[in-house]
Amino acid sequence: MTGASAVPAALASSPDPIHVLKGFVSLRRLMGTYPSGHPMIAQKLRELEDLVRLHLRRGPVLEVDVVDGDVHLDGVSFGRDQQASAQAIRELSDLGIDSIHIREGVETDELRAVAEFLWHYKESADGEPMEAQLARCGVHHISLARLVRLDTRWRAQQWPDAPTGPLDPAYAESLALAEQTFDTVAAGRRLDPVTVRDLVELLIYRVARSNAALGQILAVKQYENLTYCHSVNVAMLSLLIGKQIGLNDPTIAALVEAALLHDIGKTRIPLDVVKKPGALEKRERKMMEAHTTFGAEILVQTDGLRPLTPIVALEHHRSVKGTGYPDLGDEVPHIMSQIVSVADIYEAITGARSYQAPTLPERACLVLARLAGDKLNSALVKAFVNAITFFPLGSMVRTTRDEIAIVVGINPTDPLHPMLALVDTGNDPVSRIDASARDASGAYERHIVETVLPQGHIPDMTRFLAASPA
């Protein structure tokens, strides 16, 4: 990687899991329609095999699971596209199949055997375990299963509702103002545009210039992230994208305001729905999706806001292909809405949820890459990843020397080798090192192996990241 504009090779495109599901369904139908050696079967088999091989070059297992109609690839939601996936999902679900896992070493004949097995499955199933039935067909690298929903809410992780420990003063002030703003609207009072303007200026001129604040926003967040926290963080992430793509100051201010208020409609959604652990039921999902139109209504009725603010609230859950909600036909969302969509998804998955731990930043970047071109604007995803990198400010990481460190500075020409502050056993800063340093032979002295979650006492980021211009 030689320049600030380069994106790590790990962001190469992944196969669409929906195509894998549709491949098996199509091959199953062909098996029931044509004789075994028919050219259409051979062609479809080649297409499916190419998809599977493509993924298995990236890892030892391809895991496609369907949870409440949402397709997951390797345990991560790939996004919901009902029109593209509904028929394939329904057909497999009718057979009792919600999960297809394919392991390294799979042979073409196994793919063919699974498709034929699926065609005869309803007739031949006699209670024998599916794994045993597949083994009798010579299938040893593919597993099929039904996912059984369990009510595990009683053992859900209880994360704090907001950041804990010492906060950067400017960031703490912005959270307090945002909480006040959202509480005002939730209580049925009118949104105060003066408070909003003050908050936007605070974010642009103080929070954005504080390394400590940015570190607390960018790093993985071990708290539940209530709407006002999420909104402040999305505003800051949107600002970073705006700076990266060269927006001028007035446009940046408009973007920050829109991002800050993009979820204001959630103040009209019952808190038990907003904070419900686990999947939402259909009625609850419809209620939650209505926050986009509620938000637009609230903002349209508020004098003194910028014109695009209601539009972003309405559109931020719509894709670049015109899908998503609310249904506005095939209308492509405004570029400002597209920016907020990228920031919104990254912020949501790097924060804790009662039903899942936070996603690490480098994995969150890969999730964005999978959604690029279909749900998200590819150029904006690239700009965002270049701006925050796989190991953003404030991340706790492990190096190849088994050192634990905090990322305290980004190297724009070598983003995978940032400035680090080593951490001692008491989570105090010990010394600063440049991860891009090389030895006499020209090889890196160390690499970052992974992001790690703090265990027990969380380091005081304000001690590692001085509140100086970022």
Protein backbone atom coordinates (compact mmCIF):
# COMPACT_ATOMS: atom_id res chain seq x y z
CA MET A 1 0.00 0.00 0.00
CA THR A 2 1.69 3.17 -1.15
CA GLY A 3 -0.76 6.02 -0.96
CA ALA A 4 -3.51 7.51 1.19
CA SER A 5 -6.10 6.69 -1.44
CA ALA A 6 -5.35 2.98 -1.49
CA VAL A 7 -7.82 0.52 0.03
CA PRO A 8 -6.49 -2.72 1.61
CA ALA A 9 -6.73 -5.78 -0.60
CA ALA A 10 -9.01 -7.38 2.01
CA LEU A 11 -11.78 -5.17 0.67
CA ALA A 12 -11.98 -7.22 -2.52
CA SER A 13 -15.56 -8.12 -3.36
CA SER A 14 -17.24 -11.10 -1.73
CA PRO A 15 -19.75 -13.38 -3.45
CA ASP A 16 -23.37 -12.49 -2.87
CA PRO A 17 -24.85 -15.18 -0.57
CA ILE A 18 -28.24 -14.67 -2.20
CA HIS A 19 -26.71 -15.94 -5.46
CA VAL A 20 -25.52 -19.05 -3.61
CA LEU A 21 -29.04 -19.73 -2.32
CA LYS A 22 -30.55 -19.09 -5.74
CA GLY A 23 -27.92 -21.32 -7.32
CA PHE A 24 -28.91 -24.29 -5.19
CA VAL A 25 -32.63 -23.64 -5.75
CA SER A 26 -32.19 -23.35 -9.54
CA LEU A 27 -30.02 -26.46 -9.68
CA ARG A 28 -32.60 -28.35 -7.58
CA ARG A 29 -35.37 -27.46 -10.04
CA LEU A 30 -33.25 -28.45 -13.04
CA MET A 31 -32.48 -31.81 -11.40
CA GLY A 32 -36.21 -32.47 -11.21
CA THR A 33 -36.85 -31.34 -14.79
CA TYR A 34 -34.00 -32.63 -16.97
CA PRO A 35 -31.90 -35.81 -17.16
CA SER A 36 -28.63 -35.81 -15.22
CA GLY A 37 -26.30 -34.91 -18.10
CA HIS A 38 -28.38 -32.08 -19.56
CA PRO A 39 -26.34 -28.99 -20.62
CA MET A 40 -28.49 -26.64 -18.51
CA ILE A 41 -27.64 -28.65 -15.38
CA ALA A 42 -23.95 -28.58 -16.27
CA GLN A 43 -24.02 -24.82 -16.83
CA LYS A 44 -25.82 -24.06 -13.57
CA LEU A 45 -23.48 -26.41 -11.71
CA ARG A 46 -20.45 -24.55 -13.10
CA GLU A 47 -21.92 -21.20 -12.04
CA LEU A 48 -22.57 -22.42 -8.50
CA GLU A 49 -19.14 -24.03 -8.26
CA ASP A 50 -17.45 -20.76 -9.36
CA LEU A 51 -19.32 -18.84 -6.64
CA VAL A 52 -18.33 -21.34 -3.97
CA ARG A 53 -14.68 -21.50 -5.08
CA LEU A 54 -14.47 -17.71 -5.08
CA HIS A 55 -15.47 -17.55 -1.44
CA LEU A 56 -13.39 -20.51 -0.30
CA ARG A 57 -10.29 -18.71 -1.58
CA ARG A 58 -10.97 -16.18 1.20
CA GLY A 59 -11.57 -18.64 4.02
CA PRO A 60 -12.05 -22.33 4.86
CA VAL A 61 -15.85 -22.23 5.20
CA LEU A 62 -18.73 -20.56 3.34
CA GLU A 63 -21.61 -20.08 5.78
CA VAL A 64 -24.98 -18.88 4.44
CA ASP A 65 -27.76 -18.61 7.04
CA VAL A 66 -31.23 -17.11 6.83
CA VAL A 67 -32.49 -15.51 10.05
CA ASP A 68 -36.00 -14.02 9.90
CA GLY A 69 -35.66 -13.51 6.14
CA ASP A 70 -32.31 -11.74 6.53
CA VAL A 71 -29.45 -13.47 4.70
CA HIS A 72 -26.19 -13.77 6.65
CA LEU A 73 -22.77 -14.48 5.14
CA ASP A 74 -20.23 -15.93 7.59
CA GLY A 75 -22.30 -14.75 10.54
CA VAL A 76 -22.73 -11.17 9.32
CA SER A 77 -25.96 -9.78 7.88
CA PHE A 78 -25.54 -9.13 4.18
CA GLY A 79 -28.51 -6.81 4.00
CA ARG A 80 -32.13 -7.40 3.18
CA ASP A 81 -33.28 -7.53 -0.43
CA GLN A 82 -36.70 -9.13 -0.41
CA GLN A 83 -37.29 -9.01 -4.16
CA ALA A 84 -34.03 -10.77 -4.99
CA SER A 85 -34.11 -13.41 -2.28
CA ALA A 86 -37.73 -14.03 -1.23
CA GLN A 87 -38.49 -16.91 -3.62
CA ALA A 88 -35.24 -18.77 -2.97
CA ILE A 89 -35.58 -18.33 0.79
CA ARG A 90 -39.20 -19.50 0.74
CA GLU A 91 -38.42 -22.57 -1.36
CA LEU A 92 -35.59 -23.68 0.94
CA SER A 93 -37.58 -22.82 4.06
CA ASP A 94 -40.45 -25.01 2.84
CA LEU A 95 -37.93 -27.87 2.77
CA GLY A 96 -36.83 -27.04 6.30
CA ILE A 97 -33.48 -25.54 5.20
CA ASP A 98 -32.31 -22.22 6.70
CA SER A 99 -28.57 -22.90 6.70
CA ILE A 100 -26.05 -24.06 4.08
CA HIS A 101 -22.41 -24.41 5.15
CA ILE A 102 -19.77 -25.46 2.61
CA ARG A 103 -16.25 -26.41 3.71
CA GLU A 104 -12.92 -26.35 1.93
CA GLY A 105 -12.35 -29.51 -0.11
CA VAL A 106 -15.87 -29.68 -1.53
CA GLU A 107 -16.12 -31.48 -4.88
CA THR A 108 -18.36 -30.71 -7.86
CA ASP A 109 -20.15 -34.03 -7.41
CA GLU A 110 -21.10 -33.00 -3.86
CA LEU A 111 -22.81 -29.82 -5.13
CA ARG A 112 -24.70 -31.94 -7.67
CA ALA A 113 -25.61 -34.51 -4.99
CA VAL A 114 -26.96 -31.84 -2.64
CA ALA A 115 -29.17 -30.37 -5.37
CA GLU A 116 -30.53 -33.84 -6.17
CA PHE A 117 -30.99 -34.54 -2.45
CA LEU A 118 -33.02 -31.32 -2.11
CA TRP A 119 -35.25 -32.36 -5.01
CA HIS A 120 -36.13 -35.67 -3.36
CA TYR A 121 -35.91 -34.51 0.24
CA LYS A 122 -39.63 -34.23 1.04
CA GLU A 123 -40.25 -37.74 -0.29
CA SER A 124 -37.30 -39.50 1.32
CA ALA A 125 -37.06 -37.81 4.72
CA ASP A 126 -37.91 -40.45 7.34
CA GLY A 127 -36.55 -38.91 10.50
CA GLU A 128 -32.97 -39.91 9.83
CA PRO A 129 -30.56 -37.02 10.61
CA MET A 130 -29.88 -34.89 7.54
CA GLU A 131 -26.12 -35.27 8.00
CA ALA A 132 -26.40 -39.05 7.77
CA GLN A 133 -28.60 -38.82 4.67
CA LEU A 134 -26.09 -36.53 2.97
CA ALA A 135 -23.20 -38.83 3.91
CA ARG A 136 -24.97 -41.73 2.18
CA CYS A 137 -25.06 -39.54 -0.94
CA GLY A 138 -21.31 -38.99 -0.76
CA VAL A 139 -21.59 -35.45 0.66
CA HIS A 140 -19.02 -34.74 3.38
CA HIS A 141 -18.18 -31.04 2.91
CA ILE A 142 -21.68 -29.53 2.85
CA SER A 143 -24.14 -29.35 5.74
CA LEU A 144 -27.80 -28.36 5.63
CA ALA A 145 -29.85 -27.41 8.68
CA ARG A 146 -32.91 -25.70 10.08
CA LEU A 147 -32.24 -22.80 12.45
CA VAL A 148 -34.36 -23.05 15.59
CA ARG A 149 -35.19 -19.74 17.27
CA LEU A 150 -34.44 -19.74 20.97
CA ASP A 151 -35.60 -17.06 23.40
CA THR A 152 -32.22 -16.20 24.87
CA ARG A 153 -33.11 -12.73 26.09
CA TRP A 154 -32.84 -13.82 29.71
CA ARG A 155 -29.09 -14.26 29.21
CA ALA A 156 -28.50 -11.24 26.98
CA GLN A 157 -25.42 -9.17 27.74
CA GLN A 158 -26.29 -6.11 29.85
CA TRP A 159 -24.24 -3.34 28.29
CA PRO A 160 -24.20 0.20 29.74
CA ASP A 161 -26.59 2.64 28.05
CA ALA A 162 -23.94 5.29 27.34
CA PRO A 163 -20.18 5.81 27.41
CA THR A 164 -18.55 5.23 30.78
CA GLY A 165 -15.31 6.50 32.30
CA PRO A 166 -13.56 9.82 31.61
CA LEU A 167 -14.68 11.51 28.40
CA ASP A 168 -13.12 14.24 26.32
CA PRO A 169 -14.80 17.47 27.58
CA ALA A 170 -16.03 18.53 24.15
CA TYR A 171 -17.43 15.07 23.41
CA ALA A 172 -19.13 14.93 26.83
CA GLU A 173 -20.71 18.34 26.20
CA SER A 174 -21.97 17.25 22.78
CA LEU A 175 -23.57 14.12 24.25
CA ALA A 176 -25.30 16.18 26.93
CA LEU A 177 -26.69 18.64 24.36
CA ALA A 178 -27.84 15.80 22.10
CA GLU A 179 -29.55 14.02 24.98
CA GLN A 180 -31.34 17.26 25.88
CA THR A 181 -32.41 17.73 22.25
CA PHE A 182 -33.80 14.21 21.84
CA ASP A 183 -35.52 14.27 25.23
CA THR A 184 -37.24 17.54 24.29
CA VAL A 185 -38.70 16.01 21.13
CA ALA A 186 -39.62 12.77 22.93
CA ALA A 187 -41.59 14.84 25.46
CA GLY A 188 -43.68 16.31 22.63
CA ARG A 189 -42.02 19.73 22.60
CA ARG A 190 -40.67 21.41 19.49
CA LEU A 191 -37.10 20.90 18.35
CA ASP A 192 -34.98 23.98 19.11
CA PRO A 193 -32.98 24.93 15.97
CA VAL A 194 -30.69 27.22 18.00
CA THR A 195 -29.57 24.28 20.18
CA VAL A 196 -29.06 22.25 17.02
CA ARG A 197 -26.86 24.96 15.47
CA ASP A 198 -24.82 25.21 18.68
CA LEU A 199 -24.36 21.46 18.72
CA VAL A 200 -23.30 21.38 15.06
CA GLU A 201 -20.67 24.08 15.73
CA LEU A 202 -19.44 22.20 18.79
CA LEU A 203 -18.99 19.04 16.73
CA ILE A 204 -17.21 20.76 13.84
CA TYR A 205 -14.94 23.16 15.71
CA ARG A 206 -14.14 21.28 18.91
CA VAL A 207 -15.00 17.58 18.79
CA ALA A 208 -13.59 17.06 15.29
CA ARG A 209 -10.32 18.71 16.36
CA SER A 210 -9.81 16.53 19.43
CA ASN A 211 -7.93 13.26 19.03
CA ALA A 212 -9.33 12.06 22.34
CA ALA A 213 -12.91 12.68 21.21
CA LEU A 214 -12.35 11.02 17.84
CA GLY A 215 -10.73 8.06 19.55
CA GLN A 216 -13.79 7.59 21.76
CA ILE A 217 -16.07 7.79 18.71
CA LEU A 218 -14.11 5.65 16.26
CA ALA A 219 -13.05 2.75 18.47
CA VAL A 220 -15.31 -0.19 19.24
CA LYS A 221 -17.95 0.87 21.78
CA GLN A 222 -18.84 -1.35 24.71
CA TYR A 223 -22.13 0.33 25.51
CA GLU A 224 -25.68 0.04 24.24
CA ASN A 225 -25.49 3.33 22.36
CA LEU A 226 -28.83 5.02 22.84
CA THR A 227 -30.20 7.10 19.98
CA TYR A 228 -28.62 10.40 21.05
CA CYS A 229 -25.14 8.81 21.41
CA HIS A 230 -25.52 7.05 18.07
CA SER A 231 -26.59 10.30 16.43
CA VAL A 232 -23.57 12.27 17.68
CA ASN A 233 -21.24 9.51 16.53
CA VAL A 234 -22.88 9.24 13.10
CA ALA A 235 -22.58 13.01 12.70
CA MET A 236 -18.84 12.82 13.37
CA LEU A 237 -18.32 9.86 11.04
CA SER A 238 -20.28 11.67 8.32
CA LEU A 239 -18.06 14.72 8.86
CA LEU A 240 -14.96 12.57 8.31
CA ILE A 241 -16.40 11.26 5.03
CA GLY A 242 -17.28 14.80 3.98
CA LYS A 243 -13.73 16.01 4.69
CA GLN A 244 -12.27 13.02 2.83
CA ILE A 245 -14.24 13.75 -0.35
CA GLY A 246 -13.53 17.49 -0.18
CA LEU A 247 -16.87 19.05 0.72
CA ASN A 248 -16.71 22.77 1.50
CA ASP A 249 -17.44 24.18 4.96
CA PRO A 250 -21.11 25.15 4.43
CA THR A 251 -21.86 21.70 2.99
CA ILE A 252 -20.04 20.04 5.89
CA ALA A 253 -22.21 22.00 8.32
CA ALA A 254 -25.37 20.90 6.48
CA LEU A 255 -24.15 17.30 6.48
CA VAL A 256 -23.39 17.29 10.22
CA GLU A 257 -26.83 18.74 11.03
CA ALA A 258 -28.60 16.15 8.86
CA ALA A 259 -26.58 13.27 10.32
CA LEU A 260 -27.16 14.49 13.86
CA LEU A 261 -30.94 14.43 13.36
CA HIS A 262 -31.25 11.45 11.00
CA ASP A 263 -32.83 9.26 13.73
CA ILE A 264 -34.94 11.92 15.46
CA GLY A 265 -38.03 9.95 14.38
CA LYS A 266 -37.11 7.21 16.89
CA THR A 267 -38.37 9.54 19.62
CA ARG A 268 -41.86 8.50 18.44
CA ILE A 269 -41.11 4.76 18.68
CA PRO A 270 -41.72 2.99 22.03
CA LEU A 271 -38.42 2.54 23.87
CA ASP A 272 -39.12 -1.16 24.45
CA VAL A 273 -39.16 -1.62 20.66
CA VAL A 274 -36.05 0.53 20.10
CA LYS A 275 -34.15 -1.43 22.74
CA LYS A 276 -35.70 -4.87 22.21
CA PRO A 277 -33.09 -7.64 22.42
CA GLY A 278 -33.17 -9.98 19.45
CA ALA A 279 -35.15 -9.84 16.23
CA LEU A 280 -38.24 -7.65 15.87
CA GLU A 281 -41.57 -9.20 14.97
CA LYS A 282 -43.25 -8.04 11.76
CA ARG A 283 -45.45 -5.46 13.51
CA GLU A 284 -42.49 -4.12 15.49
CA ARG A 285 -40.32 -3.95 12.38
CA LYS A 286 -42.96 -1.90 10.57
CA MET A 287 -43.12 0.38 13.60
CA MET A 288 -39.34 0.78 13.64
CA GLU A 289 -39.15 1.44 9.90
CA ALA A 290 -41.64 4.28 10.36
CA HIS A 291 -38.96 6.31 12.19
CA THR A 292 -37.76 7.60 8.82
CA THR A 293 -41.10 9.20 7.93
CA PHE A 294 -41.67 10.35 11.52
CA GLY A 295 -38.27 12.03 11.44
CA ALA A 296 -38.96 13.78 8.17
CA GLU A 297 -42.30 15.05 9.51
CA ILE A 298 -40.71 16.42 12.68
CA LEU A 299 -37.94 18.17 10.76
CA VAL A 300 -40.15 19.61 8.00
CA GLN A 301 -42.23 21.26 10.72
CA THR A 302 -39.17 22.84 12.38
CA ASP A 303 -38.24 26.28 11.12
CA GLY A 304 -34.57 27.22 10.97
CA LEU A 305 -33.12 23.89 9.82
CA ARG A 306 -31.25 23.38 6.57
CA PRO A 307 -33.33 22.14 3.60
CA LEU A 308 -31.71 18.71 3.24
CA THR A 309 -32.06 17.70 6.90
CA PRO A 310 -35.61 16.22 6.53
CA ILE A 311 -34.60 14.49 3.28
CA VAL A 312 -31.71 12.64 4.96
CA ALA A 313 -33.98 11.53 7.81
CA LEU A 314 -36.40 10.14 5.21
CA GLU A 315 -33.82 8.45 2.96
CA HIS A 316 -30.99 7.12 5.13
CA HIS A 317 -32.30 3.52 5.02
CA ARG A 318 -32.64 3.51 1.24
CA SER A 319 -30.00 1.94 -1.00
CA VAL A 320 -28.16 3.41 -3.97
CA LYS A 321 -30.33 1.18 -6.16
CA GLY A 322 -33.55 2.72 -4.84
CA THR A 323 -34.55 -0.16 -2.56
CA GLY A 324 -35.04 -0.08 1.20
CA TYR A 325 -37.53 1.91 3.21
CA PRO A 326 -39.68 3.90 3.02
CA ASP A 327 -40.86 2.85 -0.44
CA LEU A 328 -40.21 5.82 -2.73
CA GLY A 329 -40.18 3.92 -6.00
CA ASP A 330 -36.78 3.60 -7.65
CA GLU A 331 -35.69 7.07 -6.53
CA VAL A 332 -31.97 7.11 -5.69
CA PRO A 333 -31.27 8.88 -2.37
CA HIS A 334 -29.49 12.24 -2.21
CA ILE A 335 -25.69 12.00 -1.90
CA MET A 336 -25.98 13.45 1.61
CA SER A 337 -28.28 10.56 2.56
CA GLN A 338 -25.79 8.12 1.02
CA ILE A 339 -22.99 9.51 3.21
CA VAL A 340 -25.08 9.17 6.36
CA SER A 341 -26.02 5.59 5.38
CA VAL A 342 -22.35 4.55 5.35
CA ALA A 343 -21.68 6.22 8.72
CA ASP A 344 -24.92 4.86 10.21
CA ILE A 345 -24.16 1.22 9.40
CA TYR A 346 -20.55 1.40 10.61
CA GLU A 347 -21.55 3.10 13.86
CA ALA A 348 -24.43 0.72 14.51
CA ILE A 349 -22.39 -2.46 14.19
CA THR A 350 -19.32 -1.22 16.10
CA GLY A 351 -21.57 -0.44 19.10
CA ALA A 352 -22.79 -3.09 21.51
CA ARG A 353 -26.28 -4.56 21.35
CA SER A 354 -28.11 -6.59 23.97
CA TYR A 355 -28.18 -9.50 21.51
CA GLN A 356 -24.61 -9.22 20.17
CA ALA A 357 -21.16 -7.97 21.02
CA PRO A 358 -19.77 -5.02 19.06
CA THR A 359 -18.19 -5.73 15.68
CA LEU A 360 -14.48 -4.95 15.51
CA PRO A 361 -13.55 -2.04 13.20
CA GLU A 362 -11.62 -4.09 10.63
CA ARG A 363 -14.57 -6.52 10.30
CA ALA A 364 -17.02 -3.60 10.12
CA CYS A 365 -15.04 -2.23 7.16
CA LEU A 366 -15.44 -5.58 5.42
CA VAL A 367 -19.19 -5.49 6.05
CA LEU A 368 -19.32 -2.07 4.36
CA ALA A 369 -17.29 -3.46 1.45
CA ARG A 370 -19.82 -6.29 0.98
CA LEU A 371 -22.64 -3.76 0.82
CA ALA A 372 -20.80 -1.42 -1.56
CA GLY A 373 -22.38 -1.10 -4.99
CA ASP A 374 -25.63 -2.74 -3.94
CA LYS A 375 -26.78 -0.94 -0.81
CA LEU A 376 -24.03 1.65 -0.32
CA ASN A 377 -22.16 4.03 -2.63
CA SER A 378 -18.84 2.30 -3.42
CA ALA A 379 -16.86 5.55 -3.68
CA LEU A 380 -18.15 6.70 -0.29
CA VAL A 381 -17.28 3.36 1.32
CA LYS A 382 -13.76 3.67 -0.09
CA ALA A 383 -13.46 7.24 1.18
CA PHE A 384 -14.70 6.23 4.63
CA VAL A 385 -12.31 3.30 4.99
CA ASN A 386 -9.41 5.48 3.85
CA ALA A 387 -10.40 8.12 6.41
CA ILE A 388 -10.76 5.89 9.46
CA THR A 389 -8.70 2.80 8.38
CA PHE A 390 -9.01 -0.76 9.69
CA PHE A 391 -7.42 0.34 12.98
CA PRO A 392 -8.90 3.76 13.84
CA LEU A 393 -7.85 6.13 16.61
CA GLY A 394 -8.60 4.70 20.05
CA SER A 395 -8.52 1.04 18.95
CA MET A 396 -6.86 -1.42 21.32
CA VAL A 397 -4.72 -3.78 19.25
CA ARG A 398 -2.30 -6.68 19.56
CA THR A 399 0.96 -6.73 17.58
CA THR A 400 3.05 -9.60 16.24
CA ARG A 401 5.32 -9.05 19.25
CA ASP A 402 2.33 -9.83 21.49
CA GLU A 403 2.22 -6.20 22.66
CA ILE A 404 -1.08 -4.58 23.63
CA ALA A 405 -1.33 -0.98 22.42
CA ILE A 406 -3.73 1.86 21.69
CA VAL A 407 -3.78 3.45 18.23
CA VAL A 408 -2.90 7.11 18.86
CA GLY A 409 -2.12 8.32 15.37
CA ILE A 410 -2.96 7.40 11.76
CA ASN A 411 -0.28 7.08 9.11
CA PRO A 412 -2.05 8.24 5.90
CA THR A 413 0.57 6.65 3.62
CA ASP A 414 0.59 3.34 5.53
CA PRO A 415 -2.75 3.01 7.35
CA LEU A 416 -2.17 -0.58 8.50
CA HIS A 417 0.89 0.57 10.49
CA PRO A 418 -0.26 3.49 12.68
CA MET A 419 1.32 5.19 15.71
CA LEU A 420 0.81 3.15 18.88
CA ALA A 421 1.00 3.71 22.61
CA LEU A 422 2.00 0.53 24.43
CA VAL A 423 -0.19 -0.42 27.40
CA ASP A 424 1.10 -1.92 30.64
CA THR A 425 -0.77 -4.41 32.84
CA GLY A 426 -2.56 -1.56 34.57
CA ASN A 427 -3.83 -0.18 31.26
CA ASP A 428 -1.54 2.84 31.52
CA PRO A 429 0.49 4.24 28.60
CA VAL A 430 4.12 3.10 28.63
CA SER A 431 5.79 4.34 25.46
CA ARG A 432 4.92 5.39 21.92
CA ILE A 433 6.09 3.47 18.88
CA ASP A 434 5.71 3.83 15.13
CA ALA A 435 4.31 0.57 13.76
CA SER A 436 5.62 1.52 10.31
CA ALA A 437 9.25 1.37 11.53
CA ARG A 438 11.43 -1.07 9.59
CA ASP A 439 14.58 -2.97 10.47
CA ALA A 440 17.93 -2.86 8.62
CA SER A 441 16.66 -5.30 5.97
CA GLY A 442 13.65 -3.11 5.20
CA ALA A 443 11.10 -5.42 6.81
CA TYR A 444 8.50 -4.09 9.25
CA GLU A 445 9.52 -4.50 12.88
CA ARG A 446 5.93 -5.35 13.83
CA HIS A 447 2.46 -5.73 12.34
CA ILE A 448 -0.95 -5.36 13.96
CA VAL A 449 -2.51 -8.79 14.34
CA GLU A 450 -5.99 -7.87 15.53
CA THR A 451 -8.19 -5.44 17.41
CA VAL A 452 -8.94 -6.62 20.94
CA LEU A 453 -11.70 -5.71 23.37
CA PRO A 454 -10.56 -4.36 26.74
CA GLN A 455 -11.09 -6.88 29.51
CA GLY A 456 -12.13 -5.59 32.93
CA HIS A 457 -10.84 -2.06 33.51
CA ILE A 458 -11.12 0.01 30.31
CA PRO A 459 -8.14 2.27 29.59
CA ASP A 460 -8.64 6.03 30.01
CA MET A 461 -8.49 7.18 26.39
CA THR A 462 -8.05 10.81 27.41
CA ARG A 463 -4.63 9.83 28.80
CA PHE A 464 -3.58 8.16 25.56
CA LEU A 465 -5.06 10.67 23.13
CA ALA A 466 -4.33 14.26 24.07
CA ALA A 467 -7.18 16.66 23.27
CA SER A 468 -5.08 18.45 20.65
CA PRO A 469 -5.90 19.24 17.02
CA ALA A 470 -6.58 16.00 15.12
